[in-house]
C-alpha cells in the first residue's frame, strides 16, 4: 500500500464513485426512485382530477337541464297570467 502513486489513488477514488455500489450509482438510483414516486403521484392526481371533472360536468348538465325547465315553467306562468288584451 505504501507504493501507491497518485494514479493508483485516483483510480481507486474513481472506482468508488463509478462502481456498481459507488456514489454515482447510488445517487442515480435515488433520483430514479424519486422520479418513479413523482410519476405515480402524477398518475394518481390525474385520475382523481379526471373523476372530479366528470362529476362536475354531469352536475353542470343537470343544472342546465333544471334551469331550462324553470325557464319554460316561468314562460308558461307569465303567459297564463297575462291580461287577455295582450294575448
C-alpha atoms as a PDB file:
ATOM      1  CA  UNK A   1       0.000   0.000   0.000  1.00  0.00           C
ATOM      2  CA  UNK A   2       2.982   2.304   0.542  1.00  0.00           C
ATOM      3  CA  UNK A   3       3.969   2.037  -3.134  1.00  0.00           C
ATOM      4  CA  UNK A   4       0.709   3.535  -4.410  1.00  0.00           C
ATOM      5  CA  UNK A   5       1.143   6.540  -6.562  1.00  0.00           C
ATOM      6  CA  UNK A   6      -1.183   9.381  -7.441  1.00  0.00           C
ATOM      7  CA  UNK A   7      -2.608   7.435 -10.395  1.00  0.00           C
ATOM      8  CA  UNK A   8      -3.440   4.453  -8.201  1.00  0.00           C
ATOM      9  CA  UNK A   9      -5.158   6.637  -5.612  1.00  0.00           C
ATOM     10  CA  UNK A  10      -7.083   8.490  -8.322  1.00  0.00           C
ATOM     11  CA  UNK A  11      -8.132   5.182  -9.897  1.00  0.00           C
ATOM     12  CA  UNK A  12      -9.429   3.892  -6.541  1.00  0.00           C
ATOM     13  CA  UNK A  13     -11.419   7.074  -5.954  1.00  0.00           C
ATOM     14  CA  UNK A  14     -12.918   6.895  -9.444  1.00  0.00           C
ATOM     15  CA  UNK A  15     -13.968   3.281  -8.789  1.00  0.00           C
ATOM     16  CA  UNK A  16     -15.559   4.406  -5.525  1.00  0.00           C
ATOM     17  CA  UNK A  17     -17.632   6.911  -7.481  1.00  0.00           C
ATOM     18  CA  UNK A  18     -18.418   4.920 -10.612  1.00  0.00           C
ATOM     19  CA  UNK A  19     -18.598   1.313  -9.357  1.00  0.00           C
ATOM     20  CA  UNK A  20     -21.808  -0.689  -9.004  1.00  0.00           C
ATOM     21  CA  UNK A  21     -22.124   0.375  -5.359  1.00  0.00           C
ATOM     22  CA  UNK A  22     -20.442   3.726  -5.968  1.00  0.00           C
ATOM     23  CA  UNK A  23     -21.669   7.191  -5.146  1.00  0.00           C
ATOM     24  CA  UNK A  24     -22.842   7.962  -8.691  1.00  0.00           C
ATOM     25  CA  UNK A  25     -24.775   4.710  -8.968  1.00  0.00           C
ATOM     26  CA  UNK A  26     -26.387   5.277  -5.579  1.00  0.00           C
ATOM     27  CA  UNK A  27     -27.381   8.855  -6.452  1.00  0.00           C
ATOM     28  CA  UNK A  28     -28.745   7.686  -9.806  1.00  0.00           C
ATOM     29  CA  UNK A  29     -30.879   5.029  -8.100  1.00  0.00           C
ATOM     30  CA  UNK A  30     -32.152   7.573  -5.561  1.00  0.00           C
ATOM     31  CA  UNK A  31     -33.059  10.001  -8.354  1.00  0.00           C
ATOM     32  CA  UNK A  32     -34.844   7.252 -10.297  1.00  0.00           C
ATOM     33  CA  UNK A  33     -36.811   6.227  -7.204  1.00  0.00           C
ATOM     34  CA  UNK A  34     -37.843   9.863  -6.713  1.00  0.00           C
ATOM     35  CA  UNK A  35     -38.875  10.118 -10.379  1.00  0.00           C
ATOM     36  CA  UNK A  36     -40.911   6.904 -10.028  1.00  0.00           C
ATOM     37  CA  UNK A  37     -42.712   8.251  -6.935  1.00  0.00           C
ATOM     38  CA  UNK A  38     -43.494  11.543  -8.684  1.00  0.00           C
ATOM     39  CA  UNK A  39     -44.742   9.707 -11.785  1.00  0.00           C
ATOM     40  CA  UNK A  40     -47.094   7.593  -9.645  1.00  0.00           C
ATOM     41  CA  UNK A  41     -48.303  10.729  -7.848  1.00  0.00           C
ATOM     42  CA  UNK A  42     -48.965  12.490 -11.167  1.00  0.00           C
ATOM     43  CA  UNK A  43     -50.915   9.468 -12.434  1.00  0.00           C
ATOM     44  CA  UNK A  44     -52.975   9.280  -9.234  1.00  0.00           C
ATOM     45  CA  UNK A  45     -53.651  13.035  -9.243  1.00  0.00           C
ATOM     46  CA  UNK A  46     -54.630  12.966 -12.921  1.00  0.00           C
ATOM     47  CA  UNK A  47     -57.059  10.107 -12.285  1.00  0.00           C
ATOM     48  CA  UNK A  48     -58.555  11.951  -9.319  1.00  0.00           C
ATOM     49  CA  UNK A  49     -58.925  15.179 -11.325  1.00  0.00           C
ATOM     50  CA  UNK A  50     -60.483  13.321 -14.273  1.00  0.00           C
ATOM     51  CA  UNK A  51     -63.079  11.809 -11.937  1.00  0.00           C
ATOM     52  CA  UNK A  52     -63.771  15.225 -10.414  1.00  0.00           C
ATOM     53  CA  UNK A  53     -64.155  16.741 -13.889  1.00  0.00           C
ATOM     54  CA  UNK A  54     -66.633  14.013 -14.862  1.00  0.00           C
ATOM     55  CA  UNK A  55     -68.687  14.652 -11.710  1.00  0.00           C
ATOM     56  CA  UNK A  56     -68.702  18.415 -12.295  1.00  0.00           C
ATOM     57  CA  UNK A  57     -69.616  18.009 -15.990  1.00  0.00           C
ATOM     58  CA  UNK A  58     -72.552  15.779 -15.015  1.00  0.00           C
ATOM     59  CA  UNK A  59     -73.669  18.294 -12.362  1.00  0.00           C
ATOM     60  CA  UNK A  60     -73.454  21.126 -14.892  1.00  0.00           C
ATOM     61  CA  UNK A  61     -75.613  19.218 -17.367  1.00  0.00           C
ATOM     62  CA  UNK A  62     -78.166  18.522 -14.634  1.00  0.00           C
ATOM     63  CA  UNK A  63     -78.151  22.192 -13.600  1.00  0.00           C
ATOM     64  CA  UNK A  64     -78.546  23.320 -17.207  1.00  0.00           C
ATOM     65  CA  UNK A  65     -81.484  20.934 -17.681  1.00  0.00           C
ATOM     66  CA  UNK A  66     -83.096  22.185 -14.465  1.00  0.00           C
ATOM     67  CA  UNK A  67     -82.634  25.831 -15.500  1.00  0.00           C
ATOM     68  CA  UNK A  68     -84.276  25.157 -18.878  1.00  0.00           C
ATOM     69  CA  UNK A  69     -87.258  23.552 -17.120  1.00  0.00           C
ATOM     70  CA  UNK A  70     -87.574  26.522 -14.771  1.00  0.00           C
ATOM     71  CA  UNK A  71     -87.393  28.969 -17.664  1.00  0.00           C
ATOM     72  CA  UNK A  72     -90.047  27.017 -19.516  1.00  0.00           C
ATOM     73  CA  UNK A  73     -92.306  26.998 -16.457  1.00  0.00           C
ATOM     74  CA  UNK A  74     -91.712  30.695 -15.899  1.00  0.00           C
ATOM     75  CA  UNK A  75     -92.644  31.459 -19.507  1.00  0.00           C
ATOM     76  CA  UNK A  76     -95.774  29.327 -19.190  1.00  0.00           C
ATOM     77  CA  UNK A  77     -96.847  31.062 -15.969  1.00  0.00           C
ATOM     78  CA  UNK A  78     -96.228  34.510 -17.436  1.00  0.00           C
ATOM     79  CA  UNK A  79     -98.367  33.573 -20.388  1.00  0.00           C
ATOM     80  CA  UNK A  80    -101.144  32.278 -18.145  1.00  0.00           C
ATOM     81  CA  UNK A  81    -101.326  35.463 -16.100  1.00  0.00           C
ATOM     82  CA  UNK A  82    -101.053  37.963 -18.942  1.00  0.00           C
ATOM     83  CA  UNK A  83    -104.150  40.062 -19.347  1.00  0.00           C
ATOM     84  CA  UNK A  84    -106.426  38.905 -22.158  1.00  0.00           C
ATOM     85  CA  UNK A  85    -105.771  42.115 -24.086  1.00  0.00           C
ATOM     86  CA  UNK A  86    -102.103  41.292 -24.522  1.00  0.00           C
ATOM     87  CA  UNK A  87    -102.817  37.779 -25.895  1.00  0.00           C
END
